[in-house]
Protein backbone atom coordinates (compact mmCIF):
# COMPACT_ATOMS: atom_id res chain seq x y z
CA MET A 1 -11.32 12.46 -15.97
CA GLN A 2 -9.44 9.46 -14.66
CA LEU A 3 -7.55 8.97 -11.44
CA ALA A 4 -3.90 8.83 -12.51
CA TYR A 5 -2.02 8.33 -9.26
CA THR A 6 -1.98 8.62 -5.51
CA ILE A 7 1.18 9.74 -3.72
CA LEU A 8 1.97 8.68 -0.16
CA TYR A 9 4.46 10.82 1.75
CA VAL A 10 7.00 8.58 3.47
CA ASP A 11 10.32 8.74 5.29
CA SER A 12 12.18 6.47 2.84
CA VAL A 13 10.83 5.85 -0.64
CA ALA A 14 13.13 2.87 -1.27
CA ALA A 15 12.17 1.24 2.04
CA SER A 16 8.46 1.80 1.35
CA LEU A 17 8.73 0.30 -2.13
CA ALA A 18 10.56 -2.74 -0.70
CA PHE A 19 7.90 -3.11 2.01
CA TYR A 20 5.03 -3.01 -0.49
CA GLU A 21 6.80 -5.57 -2.67
CA LYS A 22 7.24 -7.95 0.26
CA ALA A 23 3.92 -7.30 2.02
CA PHE A 24 1.58 -7.12 -0.98
CA GLY A 25 3.48 -8.70 -3.86
CA LEU A 26 3.65 -5.50 -5.93
CA ARG A 27 6.53 -4.62 -8.25
CA THR A 28 8.51 -1.39 -8.32
CA ARG A 29 8.00 0.34 -11.66
CA PHE A 30 10.25 3.35 -11.05
CA LEU A 31 12.59 4.80 -8.43
CA HIS A 32 14.16 8.17 -9.19
CA GLU A 33 17.93 8.30 -8.81
CA SER A 34 17.51 10.86 -6.00
CA GLY A 35 15.54 8.31 -4.00
CA ASP A 36 12.85 10.91 -3.34
CA TYR A 37 10.16 9.53 -5.66
CA GLY A 38 9.05 6.06 -6.71
CA GLU A 39 6.12 4.16 -8.19
CA LEU A 40 4.64 0.71 -7.90
CA ASP A 41 3.08 -1.20 -10.78
CA THR A 42 -0.54 -1.50 -9.64
CA GLY A 43 -2.41 -1.47 -12.93
CA SER A 44 -3.97 1.58 -14.53
CA THR A 45 -3.70 3.78 -11.41
CA THR A 46 -0.21 4.33 -10.04
CA LEU A 47 0.62 4.13 -6.36
CA SER A 48 3.49 6.56 -5.85
CA PHE A 49 5.70 7.53 -2.95
CA SER A 50 7.48 10.80 -2.29
CA SER A 51 9.84 11.55 0.55
CA ARG A 52 8.64 13.95 3.21
CA ALA A 53 11.99 15.71 2.82
CA LEU A 54 11.27 16.50 -0.85
CA MET A 55 7.79 17.75 -0.05
CA THR A 56 9.23 20.02 2.64
CA GLN A 57 11.76 21.38 0.12
CA LEU A 58 8.83 22.10 -2.22
CA GLY A 59 7.10 24.19 0.44
CA LYS A 60 4.54 21.63 1.61
CA HIS A 61 4.21 20.48 5.20
CA PRO A 62 3.24 16.81 5.07
CA SER A 63 1.97 15.27 8.26
CA ARG A 64 2.57 11.68 9.24
CA ALA A 65 -0.16 9.16 8.53
CA ASP A 66 -1.87 7.55 11.52
CA ALA A 67 -3.73 4.32 10.81
CA ARG A 68 -5.62 4.62 14.11
CA ALA A 69 -6.90 8.09 13.16
CA PRO A 70 -6.79 7.93 9.35
CA SER A 71 -7.62 10.67 6.91
CA PHE A 72 -7.39 8.22 3.98
CA GLU A 73 -6.85 4.57 3.14
CA ILE A 74 -5.68 2.60 0.17
CA ALA A 75 -7.21 -0.76 -0.68
CA PHE A 76 -6.01 -3.92 -2.40
CA THR A 77 -8.44 -6.62 -3.46
CA THR A 78 -7.67 -10.29 -3.10
CA ALA A 79 -9.57 -13.56 -3.11
CA ASP A 80 -7.91 -14.63 0.16
CA VAL A 81 -7.94 -11.84 2.74
CA PRO A 82 -6.62 -13.92 5.69
CA ALA A 83 -3.59 -15.04 3.65
CA ALA A 84 -2.97 -11.46 2.48
CA VAL A 85 -3.11 -10.21 6.05
CA ALA A 86 -0.70 -12.92 7.22
CA LYS A 87 1.76 -12.04 4.44
CA ALA A 88 1.55 -8.31 5.21
CA VAL A 89 2.04 -8.83 8.95
CA ALA A 90 4.99 -11.16 8.30
CA ALA A 91 6.53 -8.34 6.21
CA GLY A 92 6.18 -5.86 9.09
CA ALA A 93 2.67 -4.44 8.73
CA GLU A 94 0.72 -3.76 11.92
CA LEU A 95 -2.64 -5.52 12.18
CA ILE A 96 -5.35 -2.91 12.74
CA GLN A 97 -8.47 -5.04 12.17
CA PRO A 98 -8.56 -8.78 11.45
CA PRO A 99 -10.65 -10.08 8.54
CA GLN A 100 -14.37 -9.58 8.98
CA ASP A 101 -17.28 -10.56 6.76
CA MET A 102 -19.32 -7.46 5.98
CA PRO A 103 -23.12 -7.39 5.50
CA TRP A 104 -22.67 -6.38 1.83
CA GLY A 105 -20.68 -9.53 1.08
CA GLN A 106 -17.07 -8.37 1.27
CA THR A 107 -14.38 -9.70 3.57
CA VAL A 108 -12.36 -6.75 4.89
CA ALA A 109 -9.25 -6.36 7.03
CA TYR A 110 -6.94 -3.45 7.80
CA VAL A 111 -3.20 -3.17 8.37
CA ALA A 112 -0.85 -0.21 8.78
CA ASP A 113 2.17 0.08 6.54
CA ARG A 114 5.63 1.03 7.83
CA ASP A 115 4.73 4.75 7.62
CA GLY A 116 1.37 4.48 9.40
CA CYS A 117 -0.82 4.52 6.27
CA LEU A 118 -4.04 2.54 6.58
CA VAL A 119 -4.23 -0.29 4.04
CA GLU A 120 -7.47 -2.17 3.46
CA LEU A 121 -7.21 -5.77 2.25
CA CYS A 122 -10.54 -6.96 0.91
CA THR A 123 -12.39 -9.17 -1.50
CA PRO A 124 -13.79 -7.35 -4.55
CA VAL A 125 -17.08 -5.53 -4.07
CA GLY A 126 -19.90 -7.71 -5.31
CA GLY A 127 -17.55 -10.65 -5.73
């Protein structure tokens, strides 16, 4: 098996895609004409977004993400974590934890996206 995609439930798919483009330099790969589903080009695993309204119509009851009490996180690797954090915060992300050097060799920081999802910005593991 391979992980194909992760879907974040958000208020506005278009606004979330625009935020991720500005904050993390990603590119929108697809936005459905309804505006209820979109994808970012992130490599072999897709980061997708679906509107909470669509999920409710489909009988699901999505809760809002809370970066201060997370049930998940997504992570982006970068060689320059402080610069990535500064770019994300300038785009509207909330700083949750400034960059820290971890005992296993990674530099790690956390921000919250516009919908409260916890986003880790880190150097590659072992690199």
